[in-house]
PDB file of N, CA and C in Angstrom:
ATOM      1  N   UNK A   1       0.713  -0.909  -0.093  1.00  0.00           N
ATOM      2  CA  UNK A   1       0.052   0.111   0.135  1.00  0.00           C
ATOM      3  C   UNK A   1       0.975   1.444  -0.065  1.00  0.00           C
ATOM      4  N   UNK A   2       0.484   2.126  -1.007  1.00  0.00           N
ATOM      5  CA  UNK A   2       1.300   3.335  -0.402  1.00  0.00           C
ATOM      6  C   UNK A   2       0.915   4.419   0.340  1.00  0.00           C
ATOM      7  N   UNK A   3       2.550   5.220   0.219  1.00  0.00           N
ATOM      8  CA  UNK A   3       2.223   6.166   1.995  1.00  0.00           C
ATOM      9  C   UNK A   3       1.953   7.407   1.414  1.00  0.00           C
ATOM     10  N   UNK A   4       0.322   7.764   2.106  1.00  0.00           N
ATOM     11  CA  UNK A   4      -0.115   9.382   1.457  1.00  0.00           C
ATOM     12  C   UNK A   4       0.789   9.980   2.145  1.00  0.00           C
ATOM     13  N   UNK A   5       0.975  11.267   0.982  1.00  0.00           N
ATOM     14  CA  UNK A   5       1.596  12.190   1.764  1.00  0.00           C
ATOM     15  C   UNK A   5       0.795  12.905   3.155  1.00  0.00           C
ATOM     16  N   UNK A   6       1.890  12.976   4.610  1.00  0.00           N
ATOM     17  CA  UNK A   6       1.011  13.938   5.426  1.00  0.00           C
ATOM     18  C   UNK A   6       1.267  12.329   6.701  1.00  0.00           C
ATOM     19  N   UNK A   7       1.187  11.144   6.071  1.00  0.00           N
ATOM     20  CA  UNK A   7       0.688   9.959   6.721  1.00  0.00           C
ATOM     21  C   UNK A   7       1.842   9.297   6.376  1.00  0.00           C
ATOM     22  N   UNK A   8       1.959   8.132   7.722  1.00  0.00           N
ATOM     23  CA  UNK A   8       3.088   7.079   7.621  1.00  0.00           C
ATOM     24  C   UNK A   8       2.305   5.801   8.122  1.00  0.00           C
ATOM     25  N   UNK A   9       3.317   4.539   7.690  1.00  0.00           N
ATOM     26  CA  UNK A   9       2.936   3.799   8.045  1.00  0.00           C
ATOM     27  C   UNK A   9       2.773   2.748   9.737  1.00  0.00           C
ATOM     28  N   UNK A  10       3.025   3.798  10.128  1.00  0.00           N
ATOM     29  CA  UNK A  10       3.511   3.512  12.349  1.00  0.00           C
ATOM     30  C   UNK A  10       2.434   3.862  12.459  1.00  0.00           C
ATOM     31  N   UNK A  11       1.143   3.913  12.028  1.00  0.00           N
ATOM     32  CA  UNK A  11      -0.309   4.832  11.937  1.00  0.00           C
ATOM     33  C   UNK A  11      -0.470   5.690  13.264  1.00  0.00           C
ATOM     34  N   UNK A  12       0.009   6.609  12.920  1.00  0.00           N
ATOM     35  CA  UNK A  12      -0.283   7.848  13.805  1.00  0.00           C
ATOM     36  C   UNK A  12      -0.108   8.932  13.042  1.00  0.00           C
ATOM     37  N   UNK A  13      -1.512   9.933  13.469  1.00  0.00           N
ATOM     38  CA  UNK A  13      -1.722  11.396  12.662  1.00  0.00           C
ATOM     39  C   UNK A  13      -1.816  12.215  13.254  1.00  0.00           C
ATOM     40  N   UNK A  14      -0.819  13.477  12.665  1.00  0.00           N
ATOM     41  CA  UNK A  14      -1.212  14.575  14.084  1.00  0.00           C
ATOM     42  C   UNK A  14      -2.815  14.894  14.739  1.00  0.00           C
ATOM     43  N   UNK A  15      -2.793  14.868  15.847  1.00  0.00           N
ATOM     44  CA  UNK A  15      -4.053  15.829  16.223  1.00  0.00           C
ATOM     45  C   UNK A  15      -5.511  14.494  16.041  1.00  0.00           C
ATOM     46  N   UNK A  16      -4.721  12.995  15.598  1.00  0.00           N
ATOM     47  CA  UNK A  16      -5.867  12.483  15.779  1.00  0.00           C
ATOM     48  C   UNK A  16      -6.061  11.181  17.234  1.00  0.00           C
ATOM     49  N   UNK A  17      -5.247  11.923  18.075  1.00  0.00           N
ATOM     50  CA  UNK A  17      -5.179  10.892  19.641  1.00  0.00           C
ATOM     51  C   UNK A  17      -6.368  10.761  20.039  1.00  0.00           C
ATOM     52  N   UNK A  18      -6.611   9.796  20.798  1.00  0.00           N
ATOM     53  CA  UNK A  18      -8.529   9.536  20.584  1.00  0.00           C
ATOM     54  C   UNK A  18      -9.229   9.295  20.021  1.00  0.00           C
ATOM     55  N   UNK A  19      -8.796   9.230  18.278  1.00  0.00           N
ATOM     56  CA  UNK A  19      -9.927   8.752  17.612  1.00  0.00           C
ATOM     57  C   UNK A  19      -9.803   7.766  17.297  1.00  0.00           C
ATOM     58  N   UNK A  20      -8.734   6.788  17.632  1.00  0.00           N
ATOM     59  CA  UNK A  20      -8.440   5.397  16.766  1.00  0.00           C
ATOM     60  C   UNK A  20      -9.596   4.524  16.238  1.00  0.00           C
ATOM     61  N   UNK A  21     -10.890   4.452  17.185  1.00  0.00           N
ATOM     62  CA  UNK A  21     -11.876   3.835  17.005  1.00  0.00           C
ATOM     63  C   UNK A  21     -12.696   4.234  15.262  1.00  0.00           C
ATOM     64  N   UNK A  22     -12.517   5.347  15.121  1.00  0.00           N
ATOM     65  CA  UNK A  22     -13.014   6.345  14.299  1.00  0.00           C
ATOM     66  C   UNK A  22     -12.731   5.815  12.934  1.00  0.00           C
ATOM     67  N   UNK A  23     -11.181   5.001  12.875  1.00  0.00           N
ATOM     68  CA  UNK A  23     -10.916   4.206  11.943  1.00  0.00           C
ATOM     69  C   UNK A  23     -11.214   2.856  11.467  1.00  0.00           C
ATOM     70  N   UNK A  24     -12.058   2.279  11.981  1.00  0.00           N
ATOM     71  CA  UNK A  24     -12.130   1.385  12.280  1.00  0.00           C
ATOM     72  C   UNK A  24     -10.902  -0.051  12.803  1.00  0.00           C
ATOM     73  N   UNK A  25     -11.220  -1.425  12.594  1.00  0.00           N
ATOM     74  CA  UNK A  25      -9.652  -2.202  13.144  1.00  0.00           C
ATOM     75  C   UNK A  25     -10.393  -3.274  12.879  1.00  0.00           C
ATOM     76  N   UNK A  26      -9.928  -4.379  13.167  1.00  0.00           N
ATOM     77  CA  UNK A  26      -9.522  -5.634  12.691  1.00  0.00           C
ATOM     78  C   UNK A  26     -10.591  -6.387  11.789  1.00  0.00           C
ATOM     79  N   UNK A  27     -11.173  -6.118  10.722  1.00  0.00           N
ATOM     80  CA  UNK A  27     -12.453  -7.125  10.624  1.00  0.00           C
ATOM     81  C   UNK A  27     -13.655  -6.261  10.127  1.00  0.00           C
ATOM     82  N   UNK A  28     -13.418  -5.068  10.209  1.00  0.00           N
ATOM     83  CA  UNK A  28     -14.490  -3.838   9.820  1.00  0.00           C
ATOM     84  C   UNK A  28     -14.722  -3.231   8.783  1.00  0.00           C
ATOM     85  N   UNK A  29     -16.321  -3.427   8.244  1.00  0.00           N
ATOM     86  CA  UNK A  29     -15.866  -2.454   7.030  1.00  0.00           C
ATOM     87  C   UNK A  29     -16.425  -1.179   7.317  1.00  0.00           C
ATOM     88  N   UNK A  30     -15.707  -0.061   6.722  1.00  0.00           N
ATOM     89  CA  UNK A  30     -15.384   1.228   6.740  1.00  0.00           C
ATOM     90  C   UNK A  30     -15.775   1.910   5.813  1.00  0.00           C
ATOM     91  N   UNK A  31     -17.010   3.075   5.499  1.00  0.00           N
ATOM     92  CA  UNK A  31     -17.674   3.412   4.698  1.00  0.00           C
ATOM     93  C   UNK A  31     -17.148   4.779   5.229  1.00  0.00           C
ATOM     94  N   UNK A  32     -16.507   5.640   3.597  1.00  0.00           N
ATOM     95  CA  UNK A  32     -15.933   6.798   4.084  1.00  0.00           C
ATOM     96  C   UNK A  32     -16.591   7.746   2.939  1.00  0.00           C
ATOM     97  N   UNK A  33     -17.651   8.669   3.669  1.00  0.00           N
ATOM     98  CA  UNK A  33     -18.047   9.033   3.066  1.00  0.00           C
ATOM     99  C   UNK A  33     -17.807  10.632   2.126  1.00  0.00           C
ATOM    100  N   UNK A  34     -16.791  11.151   3.147  1.00  0.00           N
ATOM    101  CA  UNK A  34     -15.669  12.314   1.789  1.00  0.00           C
ATOM    102  C   UNK A  34     -14.746  11.791   1.921  1.00  0.00           C
ATOM    103  N   UNK A  35     -14.655  11.236   0.990  1.00  0.00           N
ATOM    104  CA  UNK A  35     -13.493  10.559   1.340  1.00  0.00           C
ATOM    105  C   UNK A  35     -11.682  11.243   0.663  1.00  0.00           C
ATOM    106  N   UNK A  36     -12.001  12.584  -0.112  1.00  0.00           N
ATOM    107  CA  UNK A  36     -10.918  13.461  -0.088  1.00  0.00           C
ATOM    108  C   UNK A  36     -10.153  12.523  -1.241  1.00  0.00           C
ATOM    109  N   UNK A  37      -8.445  12.542  -0.674  1.00  0.00           N
ATOM    110  CA  UNK A  37      -7.504  11.794  -1.246  1.00  0.00           C
ATOM    111  C   UNK A  37      -7.044  10.353  -0.780  1.00  0.00           C
ATOM    112  N   UNK A  38      -8.085  10.027   0.587  1.00  0.00           N
ATOM    113  CA  UNK A  38      -8.077   8.652   1.061  1.00  0.00           C
ATOM    114  C   UNK A  38      -7.363   8.746   2.262  1.00  0.00           C
ATOM    115  N   UNK A  39      -7.046   9.388   3.188  1.00  0.00           N
ATOM    116  CA  UNK A  39      -6.056   9.535   4.071  1.00  0.00           C
ATOM    117  C   UNK A  39      -6.956   8.572   5.109  1.00  0.00           C
ATOM    118  N   UNK A  40      -8.444   8.520   5.689  1.00  0.00           N
ATOM    119  CA  UNK A  40      -8.944   7.856   6.649  1.00  0.00           C
ATOM    120  C   UNK A  40      -9.285   6.201   5.585  1.00  0.00           C
ATOM    121  N   UNK A  41      -9.467   5.919   4.382  1.00  0.00           N
ATOM    122  CA  UNK A  41      -9.271   4.800   3.543  1.00  0.00           C
ATOM    123  C   UNK A  41      -7.809   4.104   3.696  1.00  0.00           C
ATOM    124  N   UNK A  42      -6.639   5.066   3.825  1.00  0.00           N
ATOM    125  CA  UNK A  42      -5.360   4.671   4.610  1.00  0.00           C
ATOM    126  C   UNK A  42      -5.067   4.120   5.775  1.00  0.00           C
ATOM    127  N   UNK A  43      -5.437   4.522   6.494  1.00  0.00           N
ATOM    128  CA  UNK A  43      -5.628   4.381   8.309  1.00  0.00           C
ATOM    129  C   UNK A  43      -6.517   3.041   8.277  1.00  0.00           C
ATOM    130  N   UNK A  44      -7.535   3.135   7.657  1.00  0.00           N
ATOM    131  CA  UNK A  44      -8.897   2.248   7.858  1.00  0.00           C
ATOM    132  C   UNK A  44      -7.942   0.451   7.552  1.00  0.00           C
ATOM    133  N   UNK A  45      -7.169   1.069   6.616  1.00  0.00           N
ATOM    134  CA  UNK A  45      -6.520  -0.342   5.930  1.00  0.00           C
ATOM    135  C   UNK A  45      -4.924  -0.980   7.026  1.00  0.00           C
ATOM    136  N   UNK A  46      -4.665  -0.158   7.503  1.00  0.00           N
ATOM    137  CA  UNK A  46      -3.611  -0.464   8.431  1.00  0.00           C
ATOM    138  C   UNK A  46      -3.849  -0.735   9.692  1.00  0.00           C
ATOM    139  N   UNK A  47      -5.124  -0.158  10.118  1.00  0.00           N
ATOM    140  CA  UNK A  47      -5.296  -0.936  11.129  1.00  0.00           C
ATOM    141  C   UNK A  47      -6.413  -2.561  11.207  1.00  0.00           C
ATOM    142  N   UNK A  48      -6.659  -2.850  10.017  1.00  0.00           N
ATOM    143  CA  UNK A  48      -7.246  -4.350   9.834  1.00  0.00           C
ATOM    144  C   UNK A  48      -8.542  -4.316   9.296  1.00  0.00           C
ATOM    145  N   UNK A  49      -8.963  -3.029   8.659  1.00  0.00           N
ATOM    146  CA  UNK A  49     -10.329  -3.192   7.943  1.00  0.00           C
ATOM    147  C   UNK A  49     -10.640  -3.677   7.415  1.00  0.00           C
ATOM    148  N   UNK A  50     -11.522  -4.630   6.938  1.00  0.00           N
ATOM    149  CA  UNK A  50     -11.597  -6.201   5.604  1.00  0.00           C
ATOM    150  C   UNK A  50     -11.826  -5.478   4.431  1.00  0.00           C
ATOM    151  N   UNK A  51     -12.656  -4.092   4.279  1.00  0.00           N
ATOM    152  CA  UNK A  51     -13.108  -3.325   3.127  1.00  0.00           C
ATOM    153  C   UNK A  51     -13.329  -1.980   3.347  1.00  0.00           C
ATOM    154  N   UNK A  52     -12.818  -1.028   2.797  1.00  0.00           N
ATOM    155  CA  UNK A  52     -12.826   0.708   2.476  1.00  0.00           C
ATOM    156  C   UNK A  52     -13.739   0.384   1.493  1.00  0.00           C
ATOM    157  N   UNK A  53     -15.272   1.377   1.421  1.00  0.00           N
ATOM    158  CA  UNK A  53     -15.921   1.888   0.761  1.00  0.00           C
ATOM    159  C   UNK A  53     -15.840   3.947   0.757  1.00  0.00           C
ATOM    160  N   UNK A  54     -15.365   4.179  -0.542  1.00  0.00           N
ATOM    161  CA  UNK A  54     -14.979   5.356  -0.230  1.00  0.00           C
ATOM    162  C   UNK A  54     -15.970   6.319  -1.171  1.00  0.00           C
ATOM    163  N   UNK A  55     -16.352   7.502  -1.068  1.00  0.00           N
ATOM    164  CA  UNK A  55     -17.298   8.506  -1.806  1.00  0.00           C
ATOM    165  C   UNK A  55     -16.188   9.858  -2.030  1.00  0.00           C
ATOM    166  N   UNK A  56     -16.209   9.991  -3.286  1.00  0.00           N
ATOM    167  CA  UNK A  56     -15.227  11.694  -3.472  1.00  0.00           C
ATOM    168  C   UNK A  56     -15.952  12.089  -4.450  1.00  0.00           C
ATOM    169  N   UNK A  57     -16.594  13.167  -4.516  1.00  0.00           N
ATOM    170  CA  UNK A  57     -17.503  13.798  -5.668  1.00  0.00           C
ATOM    171  C   UNK A  57     -16.392  14.505  -7.038  1.00  0.00           C
ATOM    172  N   UNK A  58     -15.718  15.127  -6.304  1.00  0.00           N
ATOM    173  CA  UNK A  58     -14.582  16.111  -7.105  1.00  0.00           C
ATOM    174  C   UNK A  58     -14.182  14.772  -7.954  1.00  0.00           C
ATOM    175  N   UNK A  59     -14.135  15.894  -9.124  1.00  0.00           N
ATOM    176  CA  UNK A  59     -12.766  14.697 -10.042  1.00  0.00           C
ATOM    177  C   UNK A  59     -11.509  15.055  -9.840  1.00  0.00           C
ATOM    178  N   UNK A  60     -11.164  15.937  -9.407  1.00  0.00           N
ATOM    179  CA  UNK A  60      -9.551  16.039  -9.176  1.00  0.00           C
ATOM    180  C   UNK A  60      -9.019  15.095  -7.591  1.00  0.00           C
ATOM    181  N   UNK A  61      -9.849  15.450  -7.279  1.00  0.00           N
ATOM    182  CA  UNK A  61      -9.910  14.528  -5.949  1.00  0.00           C
ATOM    183  C   UNK A  61      -9.920  13.063  -6.089  1.00  0.00           C
ATOM    184  N   UNK A  62     -10.578  12.905  -7.036  1.00  0.00           N
ATOM    185  CA  UNK A  62     -11.505  11.630  -7.094  1.00  0.00           C
ATOM    186  C   UNK A  62     -10.346  11.178  -7.624  1.00  0.00           C
ATOM    187  N   UNK A  63      -9.496  11.292  -8.437  1.00  0.00           N
ATOM    188  CA  UNK A  63      -8.608  10.803  -9.397  1.00  0.00           C
ATOM    189  C   UNK A  63      -7.109  10.793  -8.421  1.00  0.00           C
ATOM    190  N   UNK A  64      -6.688  11.483  -7.349  1.00  0.00           N
ATOM    191  CA  UNK A  64      -5.789  11.224  -6.482  1.00  0.00           C
ATOM    192  C   UNK A  64      -6.155   9.952  -5.279  1.00  0.00           C
ATOM    193  N   UNK A  65      -6.744  10.071  -5.189  1.00  0.00           N
ATOM    194  CA  UNK A  65      -7.960   9.477  -4.289  1.00  0.00           C
ATOM    195  C   UNK A  65      -8.042   7.977  -5.014  1.00  0.00           C
ATOM    196  N   UNK A  66      -7.975   7.817  -5.960  1.00  0.00           N
ATOM    197  CA  UNK A  66      -7.941   5.983  -6.854  1.00  0.00           C
ATOM    198  C   UNK A  66      -6.555   6.247  -6.913  1.00  0.00           C
ATOM    199  N   UNK A  67      -6.310   6.953  -6.987  1.00  0.00           N
ATOM    200  CA  UNK A  67      -4.338   6.361  -7.196  1.00  0.00           C
ATOM    201  C   UNK A  67      -3.768   6.063  -5.092  1.00  0.00           C
ATOM    202  N   UNK A  68      -4.299   7.035  -4.406  1.00  0.00           N
ATOM    203  CA  UNK A  68      -3.781   6.145  -3.168  1.00  0.00           C
ATOM    204  C   UNK A  68      -4.599   4.986  -2.498  1.00  0.00           C
ATOM    205  N   UNK A  69      -5.006   4.462  -3.299  1.00  0.00           N
ATOM    206  CA  UNK A  69      -5.910   3.169  -2.112  1.00  0.00           C
ATOM    207  C   UNK A  69      -5.233   2.094  -2.809  1.00  0.00           C
ATOM    208  N   UNK A  70      -5.508   1.641  -1.352  1.00  0.00           N
ATOM    209  CA  UNK A  70      -5.377   0.136  -1.079  1.00  0.00           C
ATOM    210  C   UNK A  70      -5.658  -0.946  -1.578  1.00  0.00           C
ATOM    211  N   UNK A  71      -5.613  -2.131  -1.710  1.00  0.00           N
ATOM    212  CA  UNK A  71      -5.744  -3.121  -2.037  1.00  0.00           C
ATOM    213  C   UNK A  71      -7.816  -3.716  -1.468  1.00  0.00           C
ATOM    214  N   UNK A  72      -7.956  -3.381  -0.607  1.00  0.00           N
ATOM    215  CA  UNK A  72      -9.318  -3.520   0.067  1.00  0.00           C
ATOM    216  C   UNK A  72      -9.955  -2.427   0.160  1.00  0.00           C
ATOM    217  N   UNK A  73      -9.746  -1.041  -0.583  1.00  0.00           N
ATOM    218  CA  UNK A  73     -10.263  -0.360  -0.492  1.00  0.00           C
ATOM    219  C   UNK A  73     -10.877   0.004  -2.219  1.00  0.00           C
ATOM    220  N   UNK A  74     -12.406   0.329  -2.419  1.00  0.00           N
ATOM    221  CA  UNK A  74     -13.017   0.745  -3.605  1.00  0.00           C
ATOM    222  C   UNK A  74     -13.569   2.423  -3.440  1.00  0.00           C
ATOM    223  N   UNK A  75     -13.917   2.824  -4.669  1.00  0.00           N
ATOM    224  CA  UNK A  75     -14.291   4.328  -4.755  1.00  0.00           C
ATOM    225  C   UNK A  75     -14.920   4.304  -5.485  1.00  0.00           C
ATOM    226  N   UNK A  76     -16.124   5.385  -5.222  1.00  0.00           N
ATOM    227  CA  UNK A  76     -17.001   6.129  -6.286  1.00  0.00           C
ATOM    228  C   UNK A  76     -17.349   7.372  -6.293  1.00  0.00           C
ATOM    229  N   UNK A  77     -17.336   7.536  -7.315  1.00  0.00           N
ATOM    230  CA  UNK A  77     -16.993   9.486  -7.647  1.00  0.00           C
ATOM    231  C   UNK A  77     -18.567   9.913  -7.215  1.00  0.00           C
ATOM    232  N   UNK A  78     -19.075   9.973  -6.363  1.00  0.00           N
ATOM    233  CA  UNK A  78     -20.297  10.191  -6.053  1.00  0.00           C
ATOM    234  C   UNK A  78     -20.488  10.930  -4.931  1.00  0.00           C
ATOM    235  N   UNK A  79     -21.590  11.815  -4.939  1.00  0.00           N
ATOM    236  CA  UNK A  79     -21.712  12.307  -3.467  1.00  0.00           C
ATOM    237  C   UNK A  79     -22.783  11.898  -2.580  1.00  0.00           C
ATOM    238  N   UNK A  80     -22.626  11.495  -1.564  1.00  0.00           N
ATOM    239  CA  UNK A  80     -23.732  11.020  -0.194  1.00  0.00           C
ATOM    240  C   UNK A  80     -24.395  12.445   0.215  1.00  0.00           C
ATOM    241  N   UNK A  81     -25.767  12.169  -0.226  1.00  0.00           N
ATOM    242  CA  UNK A  81     -26.586  13.623   0.441  1.00  0.00           C
ATOM    243  C   UNK A  81     -27.972  12.741   1.391  1.00  0.00           C
ATOM    244  N   UNK A  82     -28.960  13.427   2.131  1.00  0.00           N
ATOM    245  CA  UNK A  82     -29.536  12.646   2.462  1.00  0.00           C
ATOM    246  C   UNK A  82     -31.241  13.539   1.750  1.00  0.00           C
TER     247      UNK A  82
END
């Protein structure tokens, strides 16, 4: 899996203390509704998520997201709203 700029493979993000459960864990399915370039997807895979489903509507950001995805992640160029 590629390393995303601003993250590292040591599973740490600056300012994310106490938020580990937000990124899923072993076997979890994570849905990222505002995926941007894939930082949450990357973190979820590092923490053992079995699958990550990402949504990002903006074309330029979606292309960066696709390049950053790991093997367990899937991306859709769609916005999610109620």
